[in-house]
Amino acid sequence: MQELKLDTREFIPLCDLLKTVGLCQTGGHAKQVIADGQVMVDGKVELRKRCKIKQHQVVEFAGQKVKIVKR
């Protein structure tokens, strides 16, 4: 499981997270896979592109998992 450390921010938008960790090449691609229902947050399908992902949440896409941790 990959980890993403948040600095001073309390959250990261879901579409930005997918791009930041390299699971999607572009923000447009990230928004498309979210809209298609391919992304899960904490085990549930998430369709909100700008959903606020916070500390301790787990995002799943394409067989990869990313956990958000505080720095």
C-alpha atoms as a PDB file:
ATOM      1  CA  MET A   1       0.000   0.000   0.000  1.00  0.00           C
ATOM      2  CA  GLN A   2       1.335   3.388  -1.022  1.00  0.00           C
ATOM      3  CA  GLU A   3       1.202   6.322   1.417  1.00  0.00           C
ATOM      4  CA  LEU A   4       0.653  10.005   0.655  1.00  0.00           C
ATOM      5  CA  LYS A   5       1.792  12.450   3.306  1.00  0.00           C
ATOM      6  CA  LEU A   6      -0.168  15.672   3.658  1.00  0.00           C
ATOM      7  CA  ASP A   7       1.842  18.677   4.784  1.00  0.00           C
ATOM      8  CA  THR A   8      -0.122  21.599   6.143  1.00  0.00           C
ATOM      9  CA  ARG A   9      -3.319  20.839   4.224  1.00  0.00           C
ATOM     10  CA  GLU A  10      -6.185  19.072   5.954  1.00  0.00           C
ATOM     11  CA  PHE A  11      -7.334  17.351   2.755  1.00  0.00           C
ATOM     12  CA  ILE A  12      -6.595  16.752  -0.912  1.00  0.00           C
ATOM     13  CA  PRO A  13      -9.287  16.608  -3.611  1.00  0.00           C
ATOM     14  CA  LEU A  14      -9.714  13.071  -4.964  1.00  0.00           C
ATOM     15  CA  CYS A  15      -8.903  14.004  -8.580  1.00  0.00           C
ATOM     16  CA  ASP A  16      -5.693  15.760  -7.436  1.00  0.00           C
ATOM     17  CA  LEU A  17      -4.669  12.757  -5.342  1.00  0.00           C
ATOM     18  CA  LEU A  18      -4.914  10.360  -8.292  1.00  0.00           C
ATOM     19  CA  LYS A  19      -2.715  12.653 -10.368  1.00  0.00           C
ATOM     20  CA  THR A  20      -0.237  13.378  -7.548  1.00  0.00           C
ATOM     21  CA  VAL A  21       0.508   9.729  -6.789  1.00  0.00           C
ATOM     22  CA  GLY A  22       0.771   8.840 -10.486  1.00  0.00           C
ATOM     23  CA  LEU A  23      -2.299   6.628 -10.815  1.00  0.00           C
ATOM     24  CA  CYS A  24      -3.610   8.961 -13.557  1.00  0.00           C
ATOM     25  CA  GLN A  25      -1.538  10.895 -16.092  1.00  0.00           C
ATOM     26  CA  THR A  26      -3.769  13.978 -16.122  1.00  0.00           C
ATOM     27  CA  GLY A  27      -6.480  15.615 -14.069  1.00  0.00           C
ATOM     28  CA  GLY A  28      -8.914  14.991 -16.920  1.00  0.00           C
ATOM     29  CA  HIS A  29      -8.175  11.273 -16.849  1.00  0.00           C
ATOM     30  CA  ALA A  30      -8.618  11.253 -13.057  1.00  0.00           C
ATOM     31  CA  LYS A  31     -12.007  12.961 -13.349  1.00  0.00           C
ATOM     32  CA  GLN A  32     -13.110  10.468 -16.016  1.00  0.00           C
ATOM     33  CA  VAL A  33     -12.238   7.339 -14.003  1.00  0.00           C
ATOM     34  CA  ILE A  34     -13.982   8.825 -10.945  1.00  0.00           C
ATOM     35  CA  ALA A  35     -17.109   9.580 -13.001  1.00  0.00           C
ATOM     36  CA  ASP A  36     -17.004   6.025 -14.394  1.00  0.00           C
ATOM     37  CA  GLY A  37     -17.184   4.605 -10.850  1.00  0.00           C
ATOM     38  CA  GLN A  38     -13.709   3.043 -10.944  1.00  0.00           C
ATOM     39  CA  VAL A  39     -12.423   4.691  -7.748  1.00  0.00           C
ATOM     40  CA  MET A  40     -13.206   3.602  -4.201  1.00  0.00           C
ATOM     41  CA  VAL A  41     -12.718   5.547  -0.974  1.00  0.00           C
ATOM     42  CA  ASP A  42     -12.761   3.501   2.233  1.00  0.00           C
ATOM     43  CA  GLY A  43     -14.273   0.544   0.357  1.00  0.00           C
ATOM     44  CA  LYS A  44     -17.133   2.470  -1.311  1.00  0.00           C
ATOM     45  CA  VAL A  45     -17.411   3.784  -4.866  1.00  0.00           C
ATOM     46  CA  GLU A  46     -16.867   7.552  -4.924  1.00  0.00           C
ATOM     47  CA  LEU A  47     -18.320   9.621  -7.784  1.00  0.00           C
ATOM     48  CA  ARG A  48     -17.476  13.128  -6.486  1.00  0.00           C
ATOM     49  CA  LYS A  49     -14.410  14.362  -8.358  1.00  0.00           C
ATOM     50  CA  ARG A  50     -13.438  16.946  -5.741  1.00  0.00           C
ATOM     51  CA  CYS A  51     -14.282  14.781  -2.724  1.00  0.00           C
ATOM     52  CA  LYS A  52     -12.084  15.843   0.215  1.00  0.00           C
ATOM     53  CA  ILE A  53      -9.717  13.000   1.080  1.00  0.00           C
ATOM     54  CA  LYS A  54      -8.420  13.336   4.625  1.00  0.00           C
ATOM     55  CA  GLN A  55      -5.959  11.641   6.964  1.00  0.00           C
ATOM     56  CA  HIS A  56      -6.448   7.868   7.472  1.00  0.00           C
ATOM     57  CA  GLN A  57      -8.656   7.420   4.386  1.00  0.00           C
ATOM     58  CA  VAL A  58      -7.763   4.774   1.792  1.00  0.00           C
ATOM     59  CA  VAL A  59      -8.270   5.316  -1.939  1.00  0.00           C
ATOM     60  CA  GLU A  60      -8.339   2.359  -4.353  1.00  0.00           C
ATOM     61  CA  PHE A  61      -7.971   2.456  -8.142  1.00  0.00           C
ATOM     62  CA  ALA A  62      -6.688  -0.037 -10.714  1.00  0.00           C
ATOM     63  CA  GLY A  63      -5.600  -2.550  -8.077  1.00  0.00           C
ATOM     64  CA  GLN A  64      -3.566   0.082  -6.192  1.00  0.00           C
ATOM     65  CA  LYS A  65      -4.252   1.442  -2.715  1.00  0.00           C
ATOM     66  CA  VAL A  66      -3.162   4.796  -1.298  1.00  0.00           C
ATOM     67  CA  LYS A  67      -3.445   5.676   2.392  1.00  0.00           C
ATOM     68  CA  ILE A  68      -3.383   9.302   3.490  1.00  0.00           C
ATOM     69  CA  VAL A  69      -1.088  10.017   6.435  1.00  0.00           C
ATOM     70  CA  LYS A  70      -0.169  13.189   8.304  1.00  0.00           C
ATOM     71  CA  ARG A  71       3.427  14.292   8.117  1.00  0.00           C
END
